[in-house]
Amino acid sequence: MTISAIAARVVNALESAADREAGGKTALVSVTIDMLTQTDAGAVEVRLTRKTKTLVFLNAEFVNERGSRIATAASVHKVLP
């Protein structure tokens, strides 16, 4: 799996989680992704950090099948009206 494919999966997971947490549509404001290594497969785990009326803050980890951390991310999403 390429680094860009890992990044795309992380961003997609963050956007889906933000929409779920907001109970509607959100817009990605900021994302920082740190790549630690590459892998052939893995899964994204997303956690809510903070939520306000207008913003959703999330953290994510991309881990391989052995549970090793491949990438980490932090994002901010604006809640749309």
C-alpha atoms as a PDB file:
ATOM      1  CA  MET A   1       0.000   0.000   0.000  1.00  0.00           C
ATOM      2  CA  THR A   2       1.425   3.384  -0.941  1.00  0.00           C
ATOM      3  CA  ILE A   3       1.780   6.291   1.454  1.00  0.00           C
ATOM      4  CA  SER A   4      -0.851   8.223  -0.505  1.00  0.00           C
ATOM      5  CA  ALA A   5      -3.290   5.299  -0.227  1.00  0.00           C
ATOM      6  CA  ILE A   6      -2.763   5.165   3.541  1.00  0.00           C
ATOM      7  CA  ALA A   7      -3.322   8.939   3.780  1.00  0.00           C
ATOM      8  CA  ALA A   8      -6.510   8.698   1.696  1.00  0.00           C
ATOM      9  CA  ARG A   9      -7.912   5.952   3.929  1.00  0.00           C
ATOM     10  CA  VAL A  10      -7.107   7.967   7.051  1.00  0.00           C
ATOM     11  CA  VAL A  11      -8.765  11.138   5.683  1.00  0.00           C
ATOM     12  CA  ASN A  12     -11.856   9.196   4.561  1.00  0.00           C
ATOM     13  CA  ALA A  13     -12.193   7.623   8.015  1.00  0.00           C
ATOM     14  CA  LEU A  14     -11.787  11.005   9.715  1.00  0.00           C
ATOM     15  CA  GLU A  15     -14.415  12.644   7.484  1.00  0.00           C
ATOM     16  CA  SER A  16     -16.903   9.823   8.091  1.00  0.00           C
ATOM     17  CA  ALA A  17     -16.327   9.929  11.845  1.00  0.00           C
ATOM     18  CA  ALA A  18     -16.719  13.728  11.916  1.00  0.00           C
ATOM     19  CA  ASP A  19     -20.071  13.505  10.109  1.00  0.00           C
ATOM     20  CA  ARG A  20     -21.200  10.794  12.523  1.00  0.00           C
ATOM     21  CA  GLU A  21     -20.133  12.781  15.598  1.00  0.00           C
ATOM     22  CA  ALA A  22     -21.747  16.002  14.304  1.00  0.00           C
ATOM     23  CA  GLY A  23     -24.954  14.261  13.321  1.00  0.00           C
ATOM     24  CA  GLY A  24     -24.729  15.841   9.856  1.00  0.00           C
ATOM     25  CA  LYS A  25     -22.308  17.134   7.277  1.00  0.00           C
ATOM     26  CA  THR A  26     -18.921  18.587   8.156  1.00  0.00           C
ATOM     27  CA  ALA A  27     -16.089  20.196   6.213  1.00  0.00           C
ATOM     28  CA  LEU A  28     -12.452  19.273   6.781  1.00  0.00           C
ATOM     29  CA  VAL A  29     -10.616  22.359   8.066  1.00  0.00           C
ATOM     30  CA  SER A  30      -7.232  20.898   8.967  1.00  0.00           C
ATOM     31  CA  VAL A  31      -5.471  17.533   8.984  1.00  0.00           C
ATOM     32  CA  THR A  32      -1.950  16.529   9.997  1.00  0.00           C
ATOM     33  CA  ILE A  33      -0.743  13.029   9.131  1.00  0.00           C
ATOM     34  CA  ASP A  34       2.513  11.532  10.394  1.00  0.00           C
ATOM     35  CA  MET A  35       3.706   8.476   8.475  1.00  0.00           C
ATOM     36  CA  LEU A  36       5.843   6.089  10.495  1.00  0.00           C
ATOM     37  CA  THR A  37       6.339   3.275   7.958  1.00  0.00           C
ATOM     38  CA  GLN A  38       4.572   1.466   5.107  1.00  0.00           C
ATOM     39  CA  THR A  39       2.435  -1.663   5.171  1.00  0.00           C
ATOM     40  CA  ASP A  40       0.438  -3.885   2.850  1.00  0.00           C
ATOM     41  CA  ALA A  41      -2.831  -3.686   4.774  1.00  0.00           C
ATOM     42  CA  GLY A  42      -4.347  -2.198   7.877  1.00  0.00           C
ATOM     43  CA  ALA A  43      -7.255  -0.489   9.556  1.00  0.00           C
ATOM     44  CA  VAL A  44      -7.993   3.024  10.784  1.00  0.00           C
ATOM     45  CA  GLU A  45      -9.034   3.639  14.387  1.00  0.00           C
ATOM     46  CA  VAL A  46     -10.614   7.070  15.022  1.00  0.00           C
ATOM     47  CA  ARG A  47     -11.204   8.721  18.398  1.00  0.00           C
ATOM     48  CA  LEU A  48     -13.123  11.879  19.248  1.00  0.00           C
ATOM     49  CA  THR A  49     -10.873  14.378  21.037  1.00  0.00           C
ATOM     50  CA  ARG A  50     -13.318  17.247  21.498  1.00  0.00           C
ATOM     51  CA  LYS A  51     -16.600  18.537  20.095  1.00  0.00           C
ATOM     52  CA  THR A  52     -18.112  22.019  20.217  1.00  0.00           C
ATOM     53  CA  LYS A  53     -21.215  23.461  18.541  1.00  0.00           C
ATOM     54  CA  THR A  54     -19.209  24.330  15.429  1.00  0.00           C
ATOM     55  CA  LEU A  55     -16.102  22.086  15.434  1.00  0.00           C
ATOM     56  CA  VAL A  56     -15.197  18.403  15.770  1.00  0.00           C
ATOM     57  CA  PHE A  57     -11.634  17.410  16.759  1.00  0.00           C
ATOM     58  CA  LEU A  58     -10.456  13.869  15.999  1.00  0.00           C
ATOM     59  CA  ASN A  59      -7.350  11.694  16.274  1.00  0.00           C
ATOM     60  CA  ALA A  60      -6.703   8.594  14.200  1.00  0.00           C
ATOM     61  CA  GLU A  61      -4.218   5.747  13.952  1.00  0.00           C
ATOM     62  CA  PHE A  62      -3.626   3.472  10.983  1.00  0.00           C
ATOM     63  CA  VAL A  63      -2.503   0.099  12.348  1.00  0.00           C
ATOM     64  CA  ASN A  64      -1.449  -3.086  10.578  1.00  0.00           C
ATOM     65  CA  GLU A  65      -2.863  -6.556  11.262  1.00  0.00           C
ATOM     66  CA  ARG A  66      -0.368  -7.046  14.127  1.00  0.00           C
ATOM     67  CA  GLY A  67      -1.533  -3.818  15.778  1.00  0.00           C
ATOM     68  CA  SER A  68       1.636  -1.873  14.957  1.00  0.00           C
ATOM     69  CA  ARG A  69       1.136   1.838  14.389  1.00  0.00           C
ATOM     70  CA  ILE A  70       1.740   2.822  10.735  1.00  0.00           C
ATOM     71  CA  ALA A  71       0.446   6.419  10.741  1.00  0.00           C
ATOM     72  CA  THR A  72      -1.160   8.902  13.111  1.00  0.00           C
ATOM     73  CA  ALA A  73      -3.410  11.858  12.327  1.00  0.00           C
ATOM     74  CA  ALA A  74      -5.182  14.784  13.956  1.00  0.00           C
ATOM     75  CA  SER A  75      -7.990  16.721  12.296  1.00  0.00           C
ATOM     76  CA  VAL A  76     -10.450  19.564  12.767  1.00  0.00           C
ATOM     77  CA  HIS A  77     -13.848  19.604  11.031  1.00  0.00           C
ATOM     78  CA  LYS A  78     -16.373  22.437  10.824  1.00  0.00           C
ATOM     79  CA  VAL A  79     -19.998  21.473  11.466  1.00  0.00           C
ATOM     80  CA  LEU A  80     -22.093  22.690   8.530  1.00  0.00           C
ATOM     81  CA  PRO A  81     -25.581  24.178   8.994  1.00  0.00           C
END
